[in-house]
Amino acid sequence: MSSSAVQATARDHEEQVFETSAGIEIEELYTPDHFGNFDAARDLGKPGEFPFTRGPYPGMYRERIWTRRFQVGFGSPQETNERIKYLHDNGANGFVITIDLPTSYGFDSDDEIAEGEVGVTGVAISTLEDMEALYDGFGPDRVSYALSIRPPVSTVTLAMLGCVAQKKGVDFKDVIGTQQNDPFYQMSGGPLQTVTQFFPLDGTVRLCLDNIEFISAKLPRLNWMVTNGYNLRETGVNAVEDGAFTLGHAFDIFRRARARGLDIDRFPRRASFFLSCSIDFFEEIAKFRAMRRLYAQTMREDFGATNPECWRLRFSVQTAGNTLTTQQPEVNIVRASVECLAAVFGGAQSIHLCSYDEGHGLPTEQSSRIALRTQQVMAYETGVTRTIDPLAGSYYVETMTTKIEQAIRAKLAEIDQQGGMVDAIKQGWLETQINAARYRNQAALDSGRRTLVGVNRFTIPPQEETPVKVHKIRADEWGERRGEYLRRYRAERDAGRWSDAMQRIENGWREGANMVEVIMDALLSKVTLGEAHEAMRRAQRWNFRESPGRGG
């Protein structure tokens, strides 16, 4: 070996950091001595049984491969439906429907605030007809949609889903999919301040509870996503903070639902989580296993739930967006594959792989197909689904699972000291935690302590980069078409019925009614999404144009 090669080998060894991304020390070798007081019967159990460390269901992937989800949503509902049909024909069986910014903040496509943003970051949804268009060719009992949305908007889209089911003759008990229901979908910074400017925070929490109440009573197969841990992780927090903030938020919402009078042995049955799987392979696997065990113990011992279905943490995973690079984007295929495998070993119920070109724009059909094929190779060629929890009993994995569980518990205690996650967010404590994480991450990249291939090591000249075909955005065209559609929609409705429906929304809010049922009635009178939000704002005497930067 040449002297230069020896020096390079030595340098590579010196540059390695023997700890996880969360700072948990990694030892050179793991032996049975590391297990300490670990008890396999108590801490592992069997798949589908308490404490669910090995998975939420007995048969796991031997009985059913995880749902292969795809994030779709751009332009009009009709264009999004075409992409869904394309992916469905190629083997996708679940879809995350992303919505554009105006919709996500509760505005119709023709509102002045929507100019230039219609259909850009997702699909525009303003009317019941829009939701019907998304389900063209499918029934809500056949294809699983996860609406990537938050209260207060998710209350209106949930009402739309209910109306679509009724119009298609689908019994509520057969409706499948996931309704995101996290009132803090964005938990910090500008996005949170924007949401709370447009709708009061306490009103958003109320609608979150309305959704839980309606779904648990009427839609027994529909999941409601209590915490969007994915967006939280994308802010830069580490695996331990991710687990603690996600679970802490869920437990806070559960306490509020129980205070409303909802049954702790019923409503958590369909609670689900949306989590990120990042690139630190074994840490992510251990995180998922630790979260399942900690959740089961907390639900049984602290909340007193006696129904085993309410001890079972179920989650969908999206591979990390913040590990993707615009440099050498084809390398992102490798990153997403590793993260997908970690999600499989961690026992995810559904997985969505980020497409390699997402750093440049919305995925194209070609990049979406590669992401789908990656999951299909994982599921059908690698053999990783043939046995359940294949890493169980690994000295390293079990030790790491226990260490992460202990670290998450310690962080949960800090959240409790703040009065719970809702208060922690209101008081700015979470914002401080996130900012500290961002600083740590950037310092690690700048110093070279963390390697990001193609960015701070193993770079290539710009002229050698592979050109990326970018999905074309037609914001002006979409905005004009949507404006024309909404003008016709409003002109053709019965003004009297619409006015009465708007008044019933205001009255329902003031009287403490469950707003899902009230809005279902209003949608049939052609009230739009933006108008329903305006009626609820009026009932709370909330003028967002005069509100402070942060409401609540």
Protein backbone atom coordinates (compact mmCIF):
# COMPACT_ATOMS: atom_id res chain seq x y z
CA MET A 1 0.00 0.00 0.00
CA SER A 2 1.36 3.43 -0.94
CA SER A 3 2.10 6.04 1.72
CA SER A 4 -0.70 8.24 0.35
CA ALA A 5 -3.17 5.34 0.64
CA VAL A 6 -2.07 4.70 4.24
CA GLN A 7 -2.54 8.38 5.06
CA ALA A 8 -5.99 8.37 3.44
CA THR A 9 -7.01 5.28 5.42
CA ALA A 10 -5.80 6.84 8.66
CA ARG A 11 -7.58 10.08 7.86
CA ASP A 12 -10.87 8.25 7.15
CA HIS A 13 -10.57 6.44 10.48
CA GLU A 14 -9.93 9.68 12.35
CA GLU A 15 -12.89 11.38 10.69
CA GLN A 16 -15.40 8.75 11.81
CA VAL A 17 -17.70 9.76 14.64
CA PHE A 18 -18.76 6.87 16.84
CA GLU A 19 -22.12 8.12 17.98
CA THR A 20 -25.60 8.30 16.51
CA SER A 21 -27.06 11.48 15.06
CA ALA A 22 -28.72 12.06 18.45
CA GLY A 23 -25.36 11.83 20.21
CA ILE A 24 -25.76 8.34 21.68
CA GLU A 25 -22.33 6.74 21.97
CA ILE A 26 -21.70 3.65 19.84
CA GLU A 27 -19.31 1.09 21.30
CA GLU A 28 -16.90 -1.01 19.27
CA LEU A 29 -18.59 -4.31 20.08
CA TYR A 30 -21.88 -5.31 21.70
CA THR A 31 -22.21 -8.42 23.86
CA PRO A 32 -24.86 -9.90 26.19
CA ASP A 33 -23.32 -7.77 28.97
CA HIS A 34 -24.87 -4.69 27.36
CA PHE A 35 -28.39 -6.01 27.92
CA GLY A 36 -28.29 -5.16 31.64
CA ASN A 37 -31.72 -5.96 33.07
CA PHE A 38 -33.22 -6.55 29.61
CA ASP A 39 -35.89 -9.25 29.72
CA ALA A 40 -36.99 -10.64 26.35
CA ALA A 41 -40.42 -11.72 27.54
CA ARG A 42 -41.10 -8.35 29.17
CA ASP A 43 -39.37 -5.94 26.77
CA LEU A 44 -39.90 -7.74 23.47
CA GLY A 45 -42.92 -9.99 23.73
CA LYS A 46 -44.47 -11.28 20.52
CA PRO A 47 -45.47 -9.28 17.44
CA GLY A 48 -48.98 -7.94 17.89
CA GLU A 49 -48.84 -8.23 21.67
CA PHE A 50 -47.86 -5.89 24.50
CA PRO A 51 -45.46 -4.09 24.50
CA PHE A 52 -45.51 -4.26 20.65
CA THR A 53 -41.74 -3.77 20.33
CA ARG A 54 -41.69 -6.34 17.53
CA GLY A 55 -44.59 -4.85 15.59
CA PRO A 56 -48.25 -3.86 15.96
CA TYR A 57 -49.66 -6.97 14.21
CA PRO A 58 -48.95 -10.71 14.72
CA GLY A 59 -48.24 -11.57 11.07
CA MET A 60 -46.71 -8.27 9.95
CA TYR A 61 -45.36 -8.44 6.37
CA ARG A 62 -45.82 -12.22 6.08
CA GLU A 63 -49.54 -11.51 5.98
CA ARG A 64 -49.62 -8.10 4.33
CA ILE A 65 -46.88 -6.03 2.70
CA TRP A 66 -46.77 -2.43 3.84
CA THR A 67 -48.89 0.05 1.89
CA ARG A 68 -46.77 1.66 -0.82
CA ARG A 69 -47.81 5.29 -0.65
CA PHE A 70 -47.07 8.09 -3.06
CA GLN A 71 -47.25 11.79 -2.51
CA VAL A 72 -49.33 13.32 -5.27
CA GLY A 73 -51.04 16.65 -5.71
CA PHE A 74 -50.59 19.49 -8.16
CA GLY A 75 -52.75 21.80 -10.22
CA SER A 76 -56.39 20.81 -10.37
CA PRO A 77 -58.13 17.80 -8.78
CA GLN A 78 -58.61 16.38 -12.28
CA GLU A 79 -54.85 16.47 -13.07
CA THR A 80 -54.02 14.97 -9.69
CA ASN A 81 -56.56 12.20 -10.28
CA GLU A 82 -54.84 11.39 -13.59
CA ARG A 83 -51.48 10.98 -11.80
CA ILE A 84 -53.14 8.78 -9.16
CA LYS A 85 -54.57 6.53 -11.87
CA TYR A 86 -51.13 6.29 -13.51
CA LEU A 87 -49.43 5.29 -10.27
CA HIS A 88 -52.26 2.92 -9.33
CA ASP A 89 -51.87 1.15 -12.67
CA ASN A 90 -48.15 0.76 -11.88
CA GLY A 91 -48.80 -0.92 -8.52
CA ALA A 92 -49.16 1.89 -5.96
CA ASN A 93 -51.96 1.21 -3.46
CA GLY A 94 -51.98 4.27 -1.25
CA PHE A 95 -51.59 7.99 -1.84
CA VAL A 96 -50.67 11.02 0.22
CA ILE A 97 -52.65 13.91 -1.24
CA THR A 98 -50.77 17.17 -0.80
CA ILE A 99 -52.66 20.44 -1.11
CA ASP A 100 -51.52 23.85 -2.28
CA LEU A 101 -50.78 26.72 0.07
CA PRO A 102 -54.10 28.59 -0.32
CA THR A 103 -56.06 25.42 0.48
CA SER A 104 -53.78 24.56 3.40
CA TYR A 105 -54.57 27.92 5.01
CA GLY A 106 -58.31 27.70 4.32
CA PHE A 107 -58.69 29.91 1.23
CA ASP A 108 -60.39 29.27 -2.09
CA SER A 109 -58.35 29.38 -5.30
CA ASP A 110 -59.84 32.74 -6.34
CA ASP A 111 -59.09 34.55 -3.09
CA GLU A 112 -56.68 37.44 -3.61
CA ILE A 113 -54.31 35.83 -1.12
CA ALA A 114 -53.99 32.80 -3.45
CA GLU A 115 -52.51 34.66 -6.40
CA GLY A 116 -49.50 32.84 -7.88
CA GLU A 117 -49.83 29.85 -5.54
CA VAL A 118 -52.76 27.89 -6.96
CA GLY A 119 -51.78 24.27 -7.59
CA VAL A 120 -48.05 24.91 -7.08
CA THR A 121 -47.19 22.94 -3.92
CA GLY A 122 -50.15 20.58 -4.17
CA VAL A 123 -53.68 20.24 -5.47
CA ALA A 124 -56.25 23.01 -5.08
CA ILE A 125 -59.44 21.97 -3.26
CA SER A 126 -62.28 24.46 -2.83
CA THR A 127 -65.55 22.60 -3.37
CA LEU A 128 -67.25 19.27 -2.79
CA GLU A 129 -66.98 18.74 -6.56
CA ASP A 130 -63.19 19.00 -6.22
CA MET A 131 -63.13 16.13 -3.72
CA GLU A 132 -65.41 14.10 -5.96
CA ALA A 133 -62.96 14.65 -8.83
CA LEU A 134 -60.10 13.26 -6.72
CA TYR A 135 -62.12 10.07 -6.24
CA ASP A 136 -63.11 9.73 -9.91
CA GLY A 137 -62.74 6.06 -10.81
CA PHE A 138 -62.29 5.02 -7.18
CA GLY A 139 -64.47 4.70 -4.12
CA PRO A 140 -63.29 5.74 -0.64
CA ASP A 141 -63.70 2.07 0.29
CA ARG A 142 -61.22 0.94 -2.40
CA VAL A 143 -58.23 3.28 -2.48
CA SER A 144 -56.51 4.70 0.58
CA TYR A 145 -55.95 8.46 0.51
CA ALA A 146 -54.06 10.25 3.25
CA LEU A 147 -54.91 13.93 3.07
CA SER A 148 -51.81 15.92 3.96
CA ILE A 149 -53.64 18.70 5.73
CA ARG A 150 -54.31 20.12 9.19
CA PRO A 151 -57.19 21.49 11.23
CA PRO A 152 -59.07 23.71 10.65
CA VAL A 153 -58.91 22.70 6.96
CA SER A 154 -59.07 18.97 7.71
CA THR A 155 -62.51 19.42 9.27
CA VAL A 156 -63.83 20.66 5.93
CA THR A 157 -62.06 17.95 3.90
CA LEU A 158 -63.30 15.30 6.34
CA ALA A 159 -66.83 16.61 5.75
CA MET A 160 -66.15 16.44 2.00
CA LEU A 161 -65.03 12.82 2.35
CA GLY A 162 -68.24 12.01 4.23
CA CYS A 163 -70.32 13.58 1.47
CA VAL A 164 -68.40 11.71 -1.26
CA ALA A 165 -69.03 8.42 0.54
CA GLN A 166 -72.73 9.16 0.80
CA LYS A 167 -72.99 10.16 -2.87
CA LYS A 168 -71.16 7.00 -3.98
CA GLY A 169 -73.31 4.83 -1.73
CA VAL A 170 -70.37 3.76 0.44
CA ASP A 171 -71.25 2.96 4.04
CA PHE A 172 -69.25 5.01 6.53
CA LYS A 173 -68.04 1.80 8.18
CA ASP A 174 -66.24 0.85 4.94
CA VAL A 175 -64.41 4.14 4.32
CA ILE A 176 -60.62 3.70 4.44
CA GLY A 177 -57.65 6.05 4.38
CA THR A 178 -56.11 8.54 6.75
CA GLN A 179 -57.24 11.99 7.78
CA GLN A 180 -54.35 14.05 9.06
CA ASN A 181 -55.55 15.74 12.18
CA ASP A 182 -52.54 17.39 13.78
CA PRO A 183 -53.40 20.93 14.94
CA PHE A 184 -49.66 21.67 14.99
CA TYR A 185 -48.85 20.25 11.57
CA GLN A 186 -46.19 22.96 11.52
CA MET A 187 -44.94 23.33 15.07
CA SER A 188 -42.59 26.26 14.84
CA GLY A 189 -41.41 29.34 13.02
CA GLY A 190 -43.09 31.14 10.16
CA PRO A 191 -45.45 28.29 9.14
CA LEU A 192 -46.96 28.07 12.65
CA GLN A 193 -47.30 31.84 12.87
CA THR A 194 -49.00 31.91 9.47
CA VAL A 195 -51.51 29.23 10.45
CA THR A 196 -52.35 30.94 13.71
CA GLN A 197 -52.72 34.27 11.97
CA PHE A 198 -55.43 32.88 9.67
CA PHE A 199 -57.31 30.92 12.35
CA PRO A 200 -57.14 31.09 16.16
CA LEU A 201 -55.09 28.36 17.79
CA ASP A 202 -57.71 27.35 20.37
CA GLY A 203 -60.27 27.02 17.59
CA THR A 204 -57.90 24.76 15.66
CA VAL A 205 -57.52 22.48 18.70
CA ARG A 206 -61.31 22.35 19.08
CA LEU A 207 -61.70 21.21 15.47
CA CYS A 208 -59.01 18.57 15.98
CA LEU A 209 -61.18 17.14 18.78
CA ASP A 210 -64.33 17.44 16.63
CA ASN A 211 -62.61 15.30 13.99
CA ILE A 212 -61.57 12.67 16.54
CA GLU A 213 -65.10 12.52 17.93
CA PHE A 214 -66.71 12.18 14.49
CA ILE A 215 -64.26 9.58 13.15
CA SER A 216 -64.26 7.38 16.27
CA ALA A 217 -68.09 7.37 16.33
CA LYS A 218 -68.88 6.97 12.61
CA LEU A 219 -65.82 5.90 10.56
CA PRO A 220 -64.32 2.84 12.28
CA ARG A 221 -61.78 2.07 9.50
CA LEU A 222 -60.57 5.62 8.89
CA ASN A 223 -57.28 6.49 10.53
CA TRP A 224 -56.86 9.92 12.03
CA MET A 225 -53.29 11.12 12.20
CA VAL A 226 -52.72 12.51 15.65
CA THR A 227 -49.19 13.78 15.03
CA ASN A 228 -47.33 14.71 11.89
CA GLY A 229 -43.89 13.88 13.21
CA TYR A 230 -42.48 14.06 9.69
CA ASN A 231 -42.68 17.84 9.36
CA LEU A 232 -41.35 18.14 12.88
CA ARG A 233 -38.30 16.03 12.00
CA GLU A 234 -37.72 18.07 8.86
CA THR A 235 -36.95 21.10 11.05
CA GLY A 236 -33.69 19.39 12.00
CA VAL A 237 -34.41 17.80 15.38
CA ASN A 238 -32.69 14.48 16.09
CA ALA A 239 -34.23 11.03 16.54
CA VAL A 240 -34.71 11.34 20.31
CA GLU A 241 -36.31 14.79 20.04
CA ASP A 242 -38.41 13.50 17.16
CA GLY A 243 -39.74 10.63 19.29
CA ALA A 244 -40.38 12.77 22.36
CA PHE A 245 -42.02 15.73 20.63
CA THR A 246 -44.21 13.41 18.55
CA LEU A 247 -45.40 11.28 21.45
CA GLY A 248 -45.66 14.26 23.80
CA HIS A 249 -47.98 16.01 21.36
CA ALA A 250 -50.14 12.89 20.94
CA PHE A 251 -50.47 12.37 24.68
CA ASP A 252 -51.50 16.00 25.15
CA ILE A 253 -54.25 15.64 22.52
CA PHE A 254 -55.40 12.38 24.11
CA ARG A 255 -55.75 14.12 27.48
CA ARG A 256 -57.86 16.83 25.88
CA ALA A 257 -60.04 14.28 24.08
CA ARG A 258 -60.58 12.39 27.32
CA ALA A 259 -61.50 15.66 29.07
CA ARG A 260 -64.19 16.17 26.40
CA GLY A 261 -65.68 12.85 27.47
CA LEU A 262 -64.33 10.60 24.71
CA ASP A 263 -63.63 6.97 25.64
CA ILE A 264 -59.92 6.17 26.07
CA ASP A 265 -60.72 2.57 25.12
CA ARG A 266 -62.27 3.65 21.83
CA PHE A 267 -60.91 6.78 20.18
CA PRO A 268 -57.17 5.83 20.13
CA ARG A 269 -57.97 2.66 18.13
CA ARG A 270 -57.60 4.51 14.84
CA ALA A 271 -54.95 7.00 15.94
CA SER A 272 -51.92 6.86 13.69
CA PHE A 273 -48.62 8.67 13.26
CA PHE A 274 -46.77 10.08 10.27
CA LEU A 275 -43.04 9.72 10.88
CA SER A 276 -39.79 10.45 9.12
CA CYS A 277 -37.12 7.84 8.55
CA SER A 278 -33.73 9.47 8.30
CA ILE A 279 -30.38 8.11 7.16
CA ASP A 280 -28.86 6.86 10.47
CA PHE A 281 -29.92 3.27 9.80
CA PHE A 282 -29.83 1.50 13.16
CA GLU A 283 -30.82 4.57 15.15
CA GLU A 284 -34.01 4.92 13.10
CA ILE A 285 -34.90 1.24 13.52
CA ALA A 286 -34.34 1.52 17.27
CA LYS A 287 -36.38 4.75 17.40
CA PHE A 288 -39.44 3.09 15.87
CA ARG A 289 -39.20 0.07 18.19
CA ALA A 290 -38.65 2.29 21.25
CA MET A 291 -41.60 4.53 20.38
CA ARG A 292 -43.91 1.52 20.03
CA ARG A 293 -42.88 0.14 23.43
CA LEU A 294 -43.08 3.47 25.20
CA TYR A 295 -46.48 4.25 23.65
CA ALA A 296 -47.91 0.89 24.73
CA GLN A 297 -46.68 1.31 28.29
CA THR A 298 -47.98 4.87 28.55
CA MET A 299 -51.41 4.05 27.13
CA ARG A 300 -51.87 1.07 29.46
CA GLU A 301 -50.26 2.38 32.61
CA ASP A 302 -50.71 6.16 32.54
CA PHE A 303 -53.95 6.53 30.58
CA GLY A 304 -55.48 3.33 31.96
CA ALA A 305 -56.64 2.01 28.58
CA THR A 306 -57.75 -1.61 28.85
CA ASN A 307 -58.37 -2.23 25.13
CA PRO A 308 -55.16 -3.70 23.61
CA GLU A 309 -56.00 -1.99 20.30
CA CYS A 310 -55.41 1.31 22.10
CA TRP A 311 -51.90 0.27 23.17
CA ARG A 312 -50.78 -0.32 19.59
CA LEU A 313 -48.80 2.45 17.87
CA ARG A 314 -49.26 2.37 14.09
CA PHE A 315 -47.39 4.66 11.76
CA SER A 316 -46.68 5.55 8.17
CA VAL A 317 -43.20 6.61 7.11
CA GLN A 318 -41.84 8.98 4.53
CA THR A 319 -38.15 8.88 3.76
CA ALA A 320 -36.43 12.05 4.88
CA GLY A 321 -36.64 15.11 2.71
CA ASN A 322 -33.85 16.90 4.55
CA THR A 323 -31.31 14.24 3.57
CA LEU A 324 -31.92 14.85 -0.14
CA THR A 325 -29.44 16.96 -2.07
CA THR A 326 -29.73 19.01 -5.22
CA GLN A 327 -26.11 18.09 -5.97
CA GLN A 328 -25.71 14.68 -7.63
CA PRO A 329 -29.47 14.05 -7.23
CA GLU A 330 -29.28 10.47 -8.48
CA VAL A 331 -27.49 9.60 -5.20
CA ASN A 332 -30.81 10.35 -3.49
CA ILE A 333 -32.07 7.02 -4.85
CA VAL A 334 -29.51 5.29 -2.61
CA ARG A 335 -30.44 7.43 0.39
CA ALA A 336 -34.15 6.74 0.00
CA SER A 337 -33.49 3.00 -0.41
CA VAL A 338 -31.52 2.82 2.85
CA GLU A 339 -34.21 4.80 4.66
CA CYS A 340 -36.91 2.54 3.21
CA LEU A 341 -35.10 -0.55 4.51
CA ALA A 342 -34.82 1.01 7.97
CA ALA A 343 -38.56 1.70 7.92
CA VAL A 344 -39.21 -1.94 7.01
CA PHE A 345 -36.99 -3.25 9.81
CA GLY A 346 -38.71 -0.74 12.09
CA GLY A 347 -42.15 -2.17 11.27
CA ALA A 348 -43.89 0.65 9.36
CA GLN A 349 -47.47 0.13 8.15
CA SER A 350 -47.04 2.25 5.03
CA ILE A 351 -44.03 3.81 3.35
CA HIS A 352 -43.57 6.68 0.94
CA LEU A 353 -40.20 7.13 -0.74
CA CYS A 354 -39.14 10.61 -1.70
CA SER A 355 -38.29 10.85 -5.38
CA TYR A 356 -34.69 11.66 -6.23
CA ASP A 357 -35.58 14.96 -7.94
CA GLU A 358 -37.60 16.53 -5.10
CA GLY A 359 -34.81 18.97 -4.33
CA HIS A 360 -35.48 20.51 -7.74
CA GLY A 361 -39.28 20.43 -7.89
CA LEU A 362 -42.37 18.25 -7.84
CA PRO A 363 -41.65 14.62 -8.82
CA THR A 364 -42.10 13.66 -12.46
CA GLU A 365 -43.85 10.47 -13.55
CA GLN A 366 -40.45 8.92 -14.25
CA SER A 367 -38.95 9.71 -10.84
CA SER A 368 -42.17 8.59 -9.10
CA ARG A 369 -41.99 5.27 -10.93
CA ILE A 370 -38.37 4.73 -9.80
CA ALA A 371 -39.41 5.39 -6.20
CA LEU A 372 -42.25 2.88 -6.55
CA ARG A 373 -40.01 0.27 -8.15
CA THR A 374 -37.54 0.70 -5.26
CA GLN A 375 -40.25 -0.30 -2.80
CA GLN A 376 -41.34 -3.20 -5.00
CA VAL A 377 -37.78 -4.56 -5.19
CA MET A 378 -37.54 -4.22 -1.41
CA ALA A 379 -40.83 -6.04 -0.86
CA TYR A 380 -40.62 -8.79 -3.47
CA GLU A 381 -36.96 -9.47 -4.24
CA THR A 382 -34.86 -8.97 -1.11
CA GLY A 383 -36.52 -11.47 1.24
CA VAL A 384 -36.75 -8.97 4.11
CA THR A 385 -40.47 -9.69 4.54
CA ARG A 386 -40.10 -13.43 5.10
CA THR A 387 -39.69 -13.26 8.87
CA ILE A 388 -40.97 -10.81 11.45
CA ASP A 389 -38.64 -8.33 13.16
CA PRO A 390 -35.45 -10.04 11.90
CA LEU A 391 -33.16 -7.82 14.00
CA ALA A 392 -34.78 -8.75 17.32
CA GLY A 393 -32.24 -10.06 19.81
CA SER A 394 -29.33 -8.21 18.23
CA TYR A 395 -27.13 -7.01 21.05
CA TYR A 396 -26.68 -3.71 19.27
CA VAL A 397 -30.29 -3.12 18.22
CA GLU A 398 -31.79 -4.06 21.58
CA THR A 399 -29.28 -1.96 23.50
CA MET A 400 -29.90 1.00 21.18
CA THR A 401 -33.68 0.55 21.48
CA THR A 402 -33.47 0.70 25.27
CA LYS A 403 -31.13 3.71 25.24
CA ILE A 404 -33.39 5.66 22.88
CA GLU A 405 -36.47 4.77 24.92
CA GLN A 406 -34.77 6.10 28.06
CA ALA A 407 -33.69 9.29 26.27
CA ILE A 408 -37.22 9.87 24.91
CA ARG A 409 -38.67 9.41 28.41
CA ALA A 410 -36.28 12.02 29.77
CA LYS A 411 -37.31 14.48 27.05
CA LEU A 412 -41.01 13.76 27.69
CA ALA A 413 -40.43 14.75 31.31
CA GLU A 414 -39.11 18.12 30.08
CA ILE A 415 -42.27 18.57 28.00
CA ASP A 416 -44.44 17.79 31.04
CA GLN A 417 -42.57 20.49 32.95
CA GLN A 418 -43.76 22.96 30.31
CA GLY A 419 -47.37 21.92 30.92
CA GLY A 420 -47.62 19.64 27.88
CA MET A 421 -46.83 20.13 24.21
CA VAL A 422 -49.58 22.64 23.47
CA ASP A 423 -48.25 24.99 26.15
CA ALA A 424 -44.66 24.25 25.11
CA ILE A 425 -45.50 25.45 21.60
CA LYS A 426 -47.42 28.51 22.77
CA GLN A 427 -44.63 29.57 25.11
CA GLY A 428 -41.90 29.20 22.46
CA TRP A 429 -40.06 26.38 24.26
CA LEU A 430 -40.29 24.08 21.24
CA GLU A 431 -39.06 26.87 18.97
CA THR A 432 -35.93 27.17 21.12
CA GLN A 433 -35.33 23.41 20.93
CA ILE A 434 -35.68 23.40 17.14
CA ASN A 435 -33.40 26.38 16.62
CA ALA A 436 -30.72 24.71 18.76
CA ALA A 437 -31.01 21.57 16.61
CA ARG A 438 -30.65 23.59 13.42
CA TYR A 439 -27.51 25.23 14.74
CA ARG A 440 -26.02 21.85 15.71
CA ASN A 441 -26.73 20.40 12.28
CA GLN A 442 -25.22 23.29 10.38
CA ALA A 443 -22.14 23.36 12.62
CA ALA A 444 -21.65 19.61 12.04
CA LEU A 445 -21.77 20.10 8.27
CA ASP A 446 -19.54 23.16 8.28
CA SER A 447 -16.90 21.44 10.42
CA GLY A 448 -17.02 18.20 8.44
CA ARG A 449 -18.06 16.26 11.54
CA ARG A 450 -21.05 15.10 9.51
CA THR A 451 -20.50 13.99 5.93
CA LEU A 452 -23.06 14.83 3.28
CA VAL A 453 -21.95 13.15 0.08
CA GLY A 454 -21.80 15.58 -2.83
CA VAL A 455 -22.07 18.62 -0.56
CA ASN A 456 -19.13 18.77 1.83
CA ARG A 457 -17.26 15.67 0.57
CA PHE A 458 -17.02 13.74 -2.69
CA THR A 459 -18.15 16.70 -4.76
CA ILE A 460 -17.97 17.04 -8.53
CA PRO A 461 -17.74 20.14 -10.77
CA PRO A 462 -21.16 21.67 -11.65
CA GLN A 463 -20.68 20.86 -15.35
CA GLU A 464 -20.56 17.14 -14.49
CA GLU A 465 -23.94 17.18 -12.74
CA THR A 466 -26.67 15.11 -14.42
CA PRO A 467 -29.43 17.38 -15.78
CA VAL A 468 -32.75 16.90 -13.98
CA LYS A 469 -36.04 17.00 -15.81
CA VAL A 470 -38.25 19.28 -13.70
CA HIS A 471 -42.03 18.97 -13.46
CA LYS A 472 -43.40 22.12 -15.10
CA ILE A 473 -45.52 24.44 -12.95
CA ARG A 474 -48.37 26.31 -14.61
CA ALA A 475 -49.45 28.51 -11.69
CA ASP A 476 -50.93 31.35 -13.75
CA GLU A 477 -52.88 28.97 -15.98
CA TRP A 478 -54.17 26.95 -13.01
CA GLY A 479 -55.18 30.12 -11.16
CA GLU A 480 -57.15 31.45 -14.14
CA ARG A 481 -58.91 28.15 -14.74
CA ARG A 482 -59.77 27.75 -11.06
CA GLY A 483 -61.07 31.32 -10.87
CA GLU A 484 -63.38 30.74 -13.84
CA TYR A 485 -64.60 27.47 -12.34
CA LEU A 486 -65.42 29.04 -8.97
CA ARG A 487 -67.26 31.96 -10.57
CA ARG A 488 -69.51 29.49 -12.39
CA TYR A 489 -69.89 27.38 -9.26
CA ARG A 490 -71.12 30.32 -7.19
CA ALA A 491 -73.37 31.67 -9.94
CA GLU A 492 -75.21 28.35 -10.28
CA ARG A 493 -76.00 27.78 -6.61
CA ASP A 494 -79.18 28.68 -4.71
CA ALA A 495 -78.36 31.93 -2.90
CA GLY A 496 -80.97 31.36 -0.20
CA ARG A 497 -79.81 27.85 0.65
CA TRP A 498 -76.19 29.03 0.68
CA SER A 499 -76.96 31.93 3.03
CA ASP A 500 -78.87 29.68 5.44
CA ALA A 501 -76.03 27.17 5.42
CA MET A 502 -73.46 29.87 6.21
CA GLN A 503 -75.56 30.99 9.16
CA ARG A 504 -75.85 27.41 10.43
CA ILE A 505 -72.06 27.18 10.47
CA GLU A 506 -71.80 30.29 12.65
CA ASN A 507 -74.60 29.10 14.93
CA GLY A 508 -73.10 25.61 15.19
CA TRP A 509 -69.77 27.02 16.28
CA ARG A 510 -71.31 29.23 18.96
CA GLU A 511 -73.47 26.38 20.24
CA GLY A 512 -70.54 23.95 20.53
CA ALA A 513 -71.79 21.53 17.85
CA ASN A 514 -69.54 19.01 16.16
CA MET A 515 -68.55 21.04 13.12
CA VAL A 516 -67.97 18.07 10.79
CA GLU A 517 -71.67 17.32 10.58
CA VAL A 518 -72.57 21.00 10.29
CA ILE A 519 -70.13 21.49 7.40
CA MET A 520 -71.30 18.34 5.61
CA ASP A 521 -74.75 19.93 5.42
CA ALA A 522 -73.26 23.22 4.22
CA LEU A 523 -71.22 21.58 1.44
CA LEU A 524 -74.40 20.14 -0.05
CA SER A 525 -75.65 23.73 -0.28
CA LYS A 526 -72.48 24.56 -2.24
CA VAL A 527 -70.61 26.40 0.50
CA THR A 528 -66.93 26.41 -0.46
CA LEU A 529 -63.97 25.54 1.74
CA GLY A 530 -62.91 29.17 2.04
CA GLU A 531 -66.45 30.31 2.87
CA ALA A 532 -66.80 27.66 5.60
CA HIS A 533 -63.59 28.96 7.18
CA GLU A 534 -64.81 32.53 6.94
CA ALA A 535 -68.05 31.60 8.72
CA MET A 536 -66.11 29.90 11.53
CA ARG A 537 -63.79 32.91 11.83
CA ARG A 538 -66.80 35.22 12.11
CA ALA A 539 -68.26 33.05 14.86
CA GLN A 540 -65.00 33.56 16.78
CA ARG A 541 -64.85 37.27 15.84
CA TRP A 542 -61.48 36.63 14.25
CA ASN A 543 -60.32 38.95 11.49
CA PHE A 544 -57.01 37.54 10.29
CA ARG A 545 -56.20 40.78 8.45
CA GLU A 546 -56.14 42.56 11.80
CA SER A 547 -54.79 39.72 13.95
CA PRO A 548 -51.32 39.64 15.50
CA GLY A 549 -48.63 37.43 14.01
CA ARG A 550 -49.46 34.62 16.41
CA GLY A 551 -52.94 33.81 17.61
CA GLY A 552 -54.30 31.53 20.31
